[in-house]
Protein backbone atom coordinates (compact mmCIF):
# COMPACT_ATOMS: atom_id res chain seq x y z
CA UNK A 1 84.20 -28.20 -52.41
CA UNK A 2 86.54 -28.39 -49.39
CA UNK A 3 86.55 -31.61 -47.40
CA UNK A 4 87.70 -32.54 -43.90
CA UNK A 5 88.68 -35.97 -42.57
CA UNK A 6 88.00 -36.49 -38.88
CA UNK A 7 91.28 -38.11 -37.96
CA UNK A 8 91.43 -41.85 -37.49
CA UNK A 9 87.64 -42.21 -37.91
CA UNK A 10 88.19 -41.89 -41.65
CA UNK A 11 84.95 -39.91 -41.88
CA UNK A 12 85.43 -37.42 -44.73
CA UNK A 13 82.79 -34.75 -45.25
CA UNK A 14 82.29 -31.29 -46.72
CA UNK A 15 83.71 -28.52 -44.49
CA UNK A 16 80.22 -27.41 -43.53
CA UNK A 17 78.30 -29.46 -41.02
CA UNK A 18 74.87 -28.99 -39.48
CA UNK A 19 74.57 -28.20 -35.78
CA UNK A 20 71.11 -29.41 -34.81
CA UNK A 21 70.70 -27.70 -31.42
CA UNK A 22 68.64 -24.76 -32.83
CA UNK A 23 66.10 -26.96 -34.64
CA UNK A 24 64.55 -27.83 -31.29
CA UNK A 25 63.07 -24.30 -31.42
CA UNK A 26 61.16 -24.81 -34.68
CA UNK A 27 58.38 -27.14 -35.81
CA UNK A 28 58.92 -30.70 -36.96
CA UNK A 29 57.99 -29.79 -40.53
CA UNK A 30 60.32 -26.80 -40.68
CA UNK A 31 63.19 -28.79 -39.20
CA UNK A 32 62.79 -31.71 -41.60
CA UNK A 33 62.69 -29.28 -44.54
CA UNK A 34 65.98 -27.65 -43.42
CA UNK A 35 67.72 -30.97 -42.79
CA UNK A 36 66.74 -32.44 -46.15
CA UNK A 37 67.70 -29.27 -47.99
CA UNK A 38 71.12 -29.33 -46.30
CA UNK A 39 71.62 -32.93 -47.42
CA UNK A 40 70.40 -32.23 -50.98
CA UNK A 41 72.96 -29.42 -51.27
CA UNK A 42 75.93 -31.45 -50.05
CA UNK A 43 75.92 -31.49 -46.22
CA UNK A 44 76.31 -35.02 -44.83
CA UNK A 45 77.42 -34.51 -41.20
CA UNK A 46 74.79 -33.70 -38.56
CA UNK A 47 75.49 -33.15 -34.86
CA UNK A 48 72.84 -33.36 -32.14
CA UNK A 49 72.49 -34.51 -28.52
CA UNK A 50 70.14 -36.43 -26.24
CA UNK A 51 69.82 -33.19 -24.26
CA UNK A 52 68.52 -31.14 -27.22
CA UNK A 53 64.87 -32.01 -26.48
CA UNK A 54 63.33 -33.22 -29.78
CA UNK A 55 66.30 -32.53 -32.09
CA UNK A 56 67.07 -36.25 -32.49
CA UNK A 57 63.45 -37.00 -33.34
CA UNK A 58 63.54 -34.45 -36.15
CA UNK A 59 66.74 -35.90 -37.57
CA UNK A 60 65.20 -39.35 -37.37
CA UNK A 61 62.27 -38.31 -39.53
CA UNK A 62 64.41 -36.36 -41.98
CA UNK A 63 66.74 -39.25 -42.74
CA UNK A 64 64.41 -42.21 -42.31
CA UNK A 65 65.16 -44.71 -45.08
CA UNK A 66 68.45 -43.07 -46.06
CA UNK A 67 70.49 -43.53 -42.90
CA UNK A 68 73.61 -44.81 -44.67
CA UNK A 69 73.86 -41.59 -46.70
CA UNK A 70 74.59 -39.31 -43.71
CA UNK A 71 76.84 -39.21 -40.65
CA UNK A 72 75.09 -38.56 -37.36
CA UNK A 73 76.87 -37.59 -34.16
CA UNK A 74 74.97 -37.35 -30.91
CA UNK A 75 75.86 -37.08 -27.22
CA UNK A 76 75.09 -38.42 -23.78
CA UNK A 77 75.40 -36.52 -20.52
CA UNK A 78 75.04 -39.75 -18.54
CA UNK A 79 76.95 -40.07 -15.30
CA UNK A 80 76.65 -43.84 -14.88
CA UNK A 81 76.75 -46.91 -17.07
CA UNK A 82 73.04 -47.50 -16.49
CA UNK A 83 72.15 -43.96 -17.58
CA UNK A 84 74.46 -44.38 -20.60
CA UNK A 85 72.48 -47.34 -21.92
CA UNK A 86 69.19 -45.56 -21.34
CA UNK A 87 70.40 -42.53 -23.31
CA UNK A 88 71.87 -44.61 -26.12
CA UNK A 89 68.73 -46.68 -26.62
CA UNK A 90 66.58 -43.53 -26.57
CA UNK A 91 68.82 -41.87 -29.14
CA UNK A 92 68.73 -44.90 -31.42
CA UNK A 93 64.94 -44.98 -31.25
CA UNK A 94 64.64 -41.23 -31.86
CA UNK A 95 67.05 -41.32 -34.79
CA UNK A 96 65.39 -44.41 -36.28
CA UNK A 97 68.71 -46.19 -36.60
CA UNK A 98 70.66 -49.07 -35.10
CA UNK A 99 73.99 -47.24 -34.89
CA UNK A 100 75.51 -43.84 -34.09
CA UNK A 101 78.46 -42.72 -36.22
CA UNK A 102 80.09 -40.73 -33.40
CA UNK A 103 78.78 -41.07 -29.85
CA UNK A 104 80.16 -38.35 -27.60
CA UNK A 105 80.34 -37.83 -23.86
CA UNK A 106 78.62 -34.46 -23.48
CA UNK A 107 80.83 -31.93 -21.66
CA UNK A 108 81.72 -34.15 -18.67
CA UNK A 109 83.47 -32.51 -15.71
CA UNK A 110 86.15 -35.21 -15.98
CA UNK A 111 87.63 -37.36 -18.73
CA UNK A 112 85.90 -40.77 -18.66
CA UNK A 113 88.40 -43.62 -18.66
CA UNK A 114 88.34 -47.37 -17.99
CA UNK A 115 88.42 -48.12 -14.28
CA UNK A 116 87.34 -44.64 -13.11
CA UNK A 117 84.41 -46.09 -11.19
CA UNK A 118 81.61 -44.64 -13.34
CA UNK A 119 81.38 -47.49 -15.82
CA UNK A 120 80.93 -44.93 -18.62
CA UNK A 121 83.87 -45.79 -20.81
CA UNK A 122 83.32 -49.51 -20.32
CA UNK A 123 79.72 -49.05 -21.51
CA UNK A 124 80.91 -47.02 -24.50
CA UNK A 125 83.37 -49.76 -25.49
CA UNK A 126 80.69 -52.42 -25.18
CA UNK A 127 78.35 -50.35 -27.35
CA UNK A 128 81.10 -50.06 -29.96
CA UNK A 129 81.80 -53.80 -29.85
CA UNK A 130 78.08 -54.42 -30.45
CA UNK A 131 78.08 -52.08 -33.45
CA UNK A 132 75.73 -49.60 -31.82
CA UNK A 133 78.49 -46.97 -31.81
CA UNK A 134 81.07 -46.67 -34.58
CA UNK A 135 83.40 -44.03 -33.14
CA UNK A 136 83.97 -42.64 -29.64
CA UNK A 137 84.07 -38.90 -29.05
CA UNK A 138 83.99 -36.33 -26.28
CA UNK A 139 82.86 -32.71 -26.12
CA UNK A 140 84.10 -30.14 -23.65
CA UNK A 141 84.59 -26.49 -22.76
CA UNK A 142 87.54 -27.03 -20.43
CA UNK A 143 91.06 -26.99 -21.83
CA UNK A 144 92.49 -29.29 -19.17
CA UNK A 145 89.91 -32.00 -19.83
CA UNK A 146 90.28 -31.58 -23.59
CA UNK A 147 94.04 -32.07 -23.33
CA UNK A 148 93.55 -35.09 -21.09
CA UNK A 149 91.19 -36.63 -23.64
CA UNK A 150 93.71 -36.14 -26.47
CA UNK A 151 96.60 -37.51 -24.41
CA UNK A 152 94.60 -40.53 -23.24
CA UNK A 153 94.36 -42.02 -26.73
CA UNK A 154 90.86 -43.20 -25.82
CA UNK A 155 88.93 -40.87 -28.11
CA UNK A 156 88.64 -40.53 -31.87
CA UNK A 157 87.11 -37.04 -31.91
CA UNK A 158 87.04 -33.93 -29.74
CA UNK A 159 84.35 -31.29 -29.99
CA UNK A 160 85.48 -27.98 -28.54
CA UNK A 161 84.64 -24.26 -29.01
CA UNK A 162 86.79 -22.78 -31.79
CA UNK A 163 86.39 -19.57 -33.73
CA UNK A 164 88.42 -16.49 -34.62
CA UNK A 165 88.21 -15.30 -31.03
CA UNK A 166 90.37 -18.31 -30.10
CA UNK A 167 93.40 -17.92 -27.89
CA UNK A 168 96.82 -19.38 -28.60
CA UNK A 169 95.95 -22.15 -26.12
CA UNK A 170 92.91 -23.09 -28.23
CA UNK A 171 95.01 -23.15 -31.40
CA UNK A 172 97.56 -25.33 -29.63
CA UNK A 173 94.76 -27.81 -28.85
CA UNK A 174 93.72 -27.95 -32.52
CA UNK A 175 97.30 -28.70 -33.56
CA UNK A 176 97.61 -31.33 -30.83
CA UNK A 177 94.54 -33.12 -32.18
CA UNK A 178 96.04 -33.16 -35.67
CA UNK A 179 99.29 -34.65 -34.37
CA UNK A 180 97.28 -37.33 -32.56
CA UNK A 181 95.18 -38.04 -35.68
CA UNK A 182 92.11 -37.12 -33.65
CA UNK A 183 89.15 -35.47 -35.35
CA UNK A 184 88.43 -31.88 -34.24
CA UNK A 185 84.81 -30.70 -34.41
CA UNK A 186 84.47 -26.95 -33.86
CA UNK A 187 81.41 -25.89 -31.91
CA UNK A 188 80.42 -22.24 -31.44
CA UNK A 189 82.16 -21.18 -34.65
CA UNK A 190 80.07 -17.98 -34.43
CA UNK A 191 80.69 -17.64 -30.68
CA UNK A 192 77.04 -18.05 -29.79
CA UNK A 193 75.91 -15.21 -32.06
CA UNK A 194 78.55 -12.63 -31.20
CA UNK A 195 80.29 -13.20 -34.53
CA UNK A 196 78.06 -11.80 -37.25
CA UNK A 197 80.30 -12.24 -40.30
CA UNK A 198 80.08 -15.91 -41.22
CA UNK A 199 82.43 -15.49 -44.19
CA UNK A 200 85.16 -14.29 -41.84
CA UNK A 201 84.36 -17.17 -39.48
CA UNK A 202 84.65 -19.68 -42.32
CA UNK A 203 87.85 -18.15 -43.71
CA UNK A 204 89.50 -18.35 -40.29
CA UNK A 205 88.57 -22.01 -39.80
CA UNK A 206 89.63 -22.82 -43.38
CA UNK A 207 93.22 -22.25 -42.27
CA UNK A 208 93.00 -25.47 -40.23
CA UNK A 209 92.52 -28.46 -42.51
CA UNK A 210 91.64 -30.83 -39.64
CA UNK A 211 88.78 -28.71 -38.26
CA UNK A 212 85.13 -29.42 -39.04
CA UNK A 213 82.82 -26.53 -38.06
CA UNK A 214 79.24 -27.27 -37.03
CA UNK A 215 77.02 -24.30 -37.83
CA UNK A 216 73.91 -23.96 -35.69
CA UNK A 217 71.00 -23.62 -38.11
CA UNK A 218 67.46 -22.52 -37.30
CA UNK A 219 66.35 -20.51 -40.36
CA UNK A 220 66.50 -21.26 -44.06
CA UNK A 221 68.31 -17.96 -44.69
CA UNK A 222 71.09 -19.11 -42.33
CA UNK A 223 71.33 -22.44 -44.08
CA UNK A 224 71.50 -20.78 -47.50
CA UNK A 225 74.40 -18.64 -46.32
CA UNK A 226 76.44 -21.66 -45.26
CA UNK A 227 75.43 -23.68 -48.33
CA UNK A 228 76.78 -20.91 -50.56
CA UNK A 229 80.24 -21.61 -49.12
CA UNK A 230 80.28 -25.12 -50.56
CA UNK A 231 80.86 -23.92 -54.11
CA UNK A 232 82.41 -20.58 -53.13
CA UNK A 233 84.37 -21.07 -49.89
CA UNK A 234 85.52 -17.75 -48.42
CA UNK A 235 89.28 -17.27 -48.27
CA UNK A 236 91.17 -14.91 -46.01
CA UNK A 237 91.39 -11.44 -47.55
CA UNK A 238 92.59 -8.13 -46.14
CA UNK A 239 88.95 -7.13 -45.68
CA UNK A 240 88.03 -10.26 -43.71
CA UNK A 241 91.26 -10.07 -41.72
CA UNK A 242 90.29 -6.52 -40.73
CA UNK A 243 86.87 -7.74 -39.57
CA UNK A 244 88.53 -10.40 -37.45
CA UNK A 245 91.02 -7.96 -35.96
CA UNK A 246 88.26 -5.49 -35.06
CA UNK A 247 86.16 -8.20 -33.41
CA UNK A 248 89.11 -9.57 -31.48
CA UNK A 249 89.87 -6.10 -30.11
CA UNK A 250 86.24 -5.65 -29.08
CA UNK A 251 85.40 -9.10 -27.79
CA UNK A 252 88.48 -11.01 -26.75
CA UNK A 253 88.76 -11.37 -23.01
CA UNK A 254 86.14 -11.69 -20.28
CA UNK A 255 82.91 -12.18 -22.19
CA UNK A 256 80.21 -14.80 -21.77
CA UNK A 257 80.22 -17.42 -24.54
CA UNK A 258 76.61 -18.38 -23.76
CA UNK A 259 77.38 -22.08 -23.22
CA UNK A 260 74.86 -22.33 -20.37
CA UNK A 261 76.88 -24.62 -18.12
CA UNK A 262 76.41 -22.13 -15.26
CA UNK A 263 72.69 -22.91 -15.27
CA UNK A 264 70.29 -23.27 -13.57
CA UNK A 265 70.28 -20.14 -11.42
CA UNK A 266 68.63 -20.45 -7.97
CA UNK A 267 66.58 -17.29 -8.60
CA UNK A 268 65.82 -18.00 -12.26
CA UNK A 269 68.23 -15.61 -13.99
CA UNK A 270 68.77 -16.65 -17.63
CA UNK A 271 72.52 -16.26 -17.18
CA UNK A 272 73.69 -17.51 -20.56
CA UNK A 273 71.84 -14.68 -22.32
CA UNK A 274 71.72 -11.98 -19.66
CA UNK A 275 75.49 -12.05 -19.04
CA UNK A 276 76.17 -10.99 -22.64
CA UNK A 277 73.07 -9.01 -23.49
CA UNK A 278 74.75 -5.64 -24.01
CA UNK A 279 77.18 -7.15 -26.54
CA UNK A 280 74.37 -8.91 -28.38
CA UNK A 281 72.35 -5.71 -28.67
CA UNK A 282 75.27 -3.66 -29.93
CA UNK A 283 76.43 -6.26 -32.44
CA UNK A 284 73.10 -7.45 -33.76
CA UNK A 285 70.41 -5.00 -32.69
CA UNK A 286 67.04 -6.64 -32.28
CA UNK A 287 63.76 -5.23 -31.02
CA UNK A 288 63.15 -8.64 -29.41
CA UNK A 289 65.96 -7.92 -26.94
CA UNK A 290 64.19 -4.80 -25.73
CA UNK A 291 60.66 -6.14 -25.32
CA UNK A 292 58.87 -6.10 -21.94
CA UNK A 293 59.56 -9.85 -21.67
CA UNK A 294 63.29 -9.31 -22.27
CA UNK A 295 63.32 -6.45 -19.76
CA UNK A 296 61.70 -8.69 -17.18
CA UNK A 297 64.41 -11.32 -17.72
CA UNK A 298 67.13 -8.73 -17.24
CA UNK A 299 65.40 -7.31 -14.15
CA UNK A 300 65.82 -10.67 -12.43
CA UNK A 301 69.51 -9.81 -12.12
CA UNK A 302 68.46 -7.56 -9.22
CA UNK A 303 67.62 -10.76 -7.32
CA UNK A 304 71.13 -12.21 -7.67
CA UNK A 305 72.13 -13.91 -4.41
CA UNK A 306 75.86 -13.69 -5.16
CA UNK A 307 75.95 -17.34 -4.11
CA UNK A 308 78.84 -18.02 -6.49
CA UNK A 309 77.33 -21.18 -8.01
CA UNK A 310 77.46 -19.83 -11.56
CA UNK A 311 81.02 -18.57 -11.13
CA UNK A 312 82.14 -21.95 -9.82
CA UNK A 313 80.60 -23.78 -12.79
CA UNK A 314 81.87 -21.47 -15.55
CA UNK A 315 84.34 -23.45 -17.70
CA UNK A 316 86.02 -20.17 -18.69
CA UNK A 317 86.62 -19.01 -15.12
CA UNK A 318 84.54 -15.85 -15.53
CA UNK A 319 83.26 -13.71 -12.67
CA UNK A 320 79.68 -14.31 -13.76
CA UNK A 321 77.93 -12.20 -11.08
CA UNK A 322 80.10 -9.22 -12.04
CA UNK A 323 79.28 -9.77 -15.73
CA UNK A 324 75.57 -9.89 -14.93
CA UNK A 325 75.80 -6.64 -12.98
CA UNK A 326 77.72 -4.91 -15.78
CA UNK A 327 75.30 -6.11 -18.46
CA UNK A 328 72.29 -5.01 -16.44
CA UNK A 329 73.77 -1.55 -16.00
CA UNK A 330 74.53 -1.29 -19.73
CA UNK A 331 71.08 -2.61 -20.62
CA UNK A 332 69.37 0.00 -18.45
CA UNK A 333 71.42 2.73 -20.14
CA UNK A 334 70.39 1.41 -23.56
CA UNK A 335 66.74 1.44 -22.51
CA UNK A 336 67.13 4.99 -21.25
CA UNK A 337 68.26 6.02 -24.71
CA UNK A 338 71.84 6.81 -23.84
CA UNK A 339 73.02 4.29 -26.46
CA UNK A 340 71.68 2.16 -29.31
C-alpha cells in the first residue's frame, strides 16, 4: 500500500482516491454500492462538489453512521459570502455531517483572499473557526491562479489537472506545492478519458510522492481496476514508458481536456465533448459515439456563431471554434467510412 500525506493538513490516505463526479450519472443504489466497496477495499478519500447534482447525497447515504472513518472533500462555486453559506449548509445536509474535511473554492476565476470584496475567504475562515470546515482548499485549471494560491499561503490544498500529458509548467507547480507543504490533489489523471492505460497513469503519478490522484468512477469494473493497484501498485517500466511516450506524441498540444468551463454554448453545442470527439473515437471506439443522437449533437457545430465566448473562457487558451470545426470534419469522415 502506497500512502500520500496532503501537506500541512496531515491527512494521510492510500494513493487512490474516489472522484465522485461520475456517480451523478448512476442510480442511488449503484452509487452507494460503489462507494462502500471502495471503502471496504481501502479507499478513504472521496472528492465531490455542490455542483455535481446529487453526488453529495449519494455520499451522505453511503457513509451515514461512519463519517469519522472517511475523508470527504467538496467544493463551492459561490461568488459571495451569502452564497457560500448557502452552499456549505446544503453540502452538510446532503453529506449528513457537521463538518467537511477539505472545503474547496471550485475553479474561481480569481484567487479568493481576505479583503478582496467578495467576502468569500472571510466566510471560509469563519466556517473553519466554527468547526464546519477543517481544511481550506482551492481547485483550478489556470496556472496563474494556481501559483497565486500557493504563494498566498492561504490554502492547505490545491486541486489541479495532472497526468502524464503534463507540461514542464505543470510539474513545476507540483514541486512548488511540495516546497510549500501544500497538498496536491490531481484531477483528470486520465485526461477526461483520453488516457486509456490506467496503469501507465498510476505509474507516472507514483513518481510524485505528494500527489493524490482522484479517479473518476462510474462502473464497478473501473473501481476494481483502481482497487487492484492498492496491493499491486504499477511501477514505471519500459513498456509503460513507451505507452506514455506514444500518447504524448499523439495528444500533447492543442487538444480539449473536456473540463466544460467553456459552457454553456449560446446555440447548445456540447463543446466539452464535441471539441474532442475524433480523439475519443480513435482512442476508445464506441458505437455510442456514432449513434443518431451523437450525430445530432455534432451537427449542431454547423450552427456555431463564432461569437468567441467559448474561446475566451477556455482556461487552456485553446481556439475552441477551430477545434470544433476540425472535429466535425473528422467526425464526418469517420461516418463516411474513410476511417475507424
